Amino acid sequence: MNSTHYSNYDLERQRQRLEALVQPQPSSPLMQALQQFGQGLVRFLTGGQSPCIQQRWHNGRLVWWVYDPISQRRQRFESEDELRIWLEGRYYE
């Protein structure tokens, strides 16, 4: 029973971290440019190993776009659970 408790706790912490990472896209081109500049600066200062996660609306549904600087690939996820599974797997590869 304790392992289920810890598992739920870990999942809740991961959900909170994902929510902190995901931000809606700014509407103006200036805001988009500033956000991209800021993300680039953070990647430069932190070594650029962390994935960049963006949450967007596509055809009336919320999707997550992730850029992985290690593989230099961009991926789209249809659910937060899919994204979480990918993030967990990324650290075990």
Protein backbone atom coordinates (compact mmCIF):
# COMPACT_ATOMS: atom_id res chain seq x y z
CA MET A 1 0.00 0.00 0.00
CA ASN A 2 2.87 2.37 0.70
CA SER A 3 4.26 1.87 -2.80
CA THR A 4 0.93 3.04 -4.26
CA HIS A 5 1.01 6.08 -1.99
CA TYR A 6 4.51 6.98 -3.12
CA SER A 7 3.64 6.32 -6.73
CA ASN A 8 0.65 8.67 -6.56
CA TYR A 9 2.78 11.24 -4.77
CA ASP A 10 5.47 11.02 -7.46
CA LEU A 11 2.87 11.36 -10.22
CA GLU A 12 1.38 14.40 -8.52
CA ARG A 13 4.84 16.03 -8.24
CA GLN A 14 5.49 15.33 -11.92
CA ARG A 15 2.12 16.83 -12.85
CA GLN A 16 2.95 19.97 -10.88
CA ARG A 17 6.35 20.23 -12.59
CA LEU A 18 4.73 19.85 -16.01
CA GLU A 19 2.19 22.55 -15.23
CA ALA A 20 5.01 24.86 -14.20
CA LEU A 21 6.84 24.18 -17.48
CA VAL A 22 3.87 24.54 -19.77
CA GLN A 23 2.75 28.04 -20.64
CA PRO A 24 0.19 29.18 -23.20
CA GLN A 25 1.56 30.82 -26.34
CA PRO A 26 1.57 34.62 -26.32
CA SER A 27 -0.68 36.17 -28.93
CA SER A 28 1.43 38.98 -30.36
CA PRO A 29 4.51 38.45 -32.58
CA LEU A 30 6.56 40.63 -30.24
CA MET A 31 5.62 38.49 -27.25
CA GLN A 32 6.43 35.31 -29.21
CA ALA A 33 9.85 36.72 -30.15
CA LEU A 34 10.54 37.70 -26.53
CA GLN A 35 9.50 34.27 -25.29
CA GLN A 36 11.74 32.53 -27.83
CA PHE A 37 14.64 34.79 -26.88
CA GLY A 38 14.05 34.03 -23.20
CA GLN A 39 13.88 30.28 -23.81
CA GLY A 40 17.10 30.45 -25.83
CA LEU A 41 18.82 32.37 -23.06
CA VAL A 42 17.72 29.84 -20.45
CA ARG A 43 18.94 26.95 -22.63
CA PHE A 44 22.29 28.72 -23.09
CA LEU A 45 22.71 29.40 -19.37
CA THR A 46 21.61 25.91 -18.27
CA GLY A 47 23.47 23.90 -20.87
CA GLY A 48 20.41 23.23 -22.97
CA GLN A 49 19.73 19.62 -21.91
CA SER A 50 16.16 20.11 -20.66
CA PRO A 51 13.28 19.62 -23.09
CA CYS A 52 11.28 22.69 -24.06
CA ILE A 53 7.54 22.05 -23.58
CA GLN A 54 4.77 24.16 -25.09
CA GLN A 55 1.04 23.72 -24.65
CA ARG A 56 -1.16 24.74 -27.58
CA TRP A 57 -4.70 24.42 -28.84
CA HIS A 58 -4.98 22.45 -32.10
CA ASN A 59 -8.37 21.80 -33.72
CA GLY A 60 -10.12 22.56 -30.45
CA ARG A 61 -7.95 20.18 -28.41
CA LEU A 62 -5.04 20.84 -26.10
CA VAL A 63 -1.76 19.30 -27.30
CA TRP A 64 1.82 19.40 -26.03
CA TRP A 65 4.79 20.11 -28.30
CA VAL A 66 8.21 19.14 -27.00
CA TYR A 67 11.63 19.98 -28.41
CA ASP A 68 14.34 17.66 -27.14
CA PRO A 69 17.78 19.36 -27.47
CA ILE A 70 19.58 16.04 -26.91
CA SER A 71 18.01 14.30 -29.93
CA GLN A 72 17.23 17.61 -31.69
CA ARG A 73 13.72 16.30 -32.42
CA ARG A 74 10.30 17.88 -31.99
CA GLN A 75 7.35 15.73 -30.91
CA ARG A 76 3.64 16.24 -30.32
CA PHE A 77 1.66 14.58 -27.54
CA GLU A 78 -2.12 14.33 -27.37
CA SER A 79 -2.30 13.97 -23.59
CA GLU A 80 -0.43 14.90 -20.45
CA ASP A 81 -0.07 11.19 -19.66
CA GLU A 82 1.68 10.53 -23.00
CA LEU A 83 4.03 13.43 -22.28
CA ARG A 84 4.76 12.17 -18.77
CA ILE A 85 5.56 8.66 -20.07
CA TRP A 86 7.91 10.11 -22.67
CA LEU A 87 9.63 12.34 -20.08
CA GLU A 88 10.15 9.39 -17.73
CA GLY A 89 11.51 7.23 -20.56
CA ARG A 90 13.84 9.99 -21.74
CA TYR A 91 15.82 9.84 -18.51
CA TYR A 92 16.20 6.05 -18.64
CA GLU A 93 17.58 5.92 -22.21
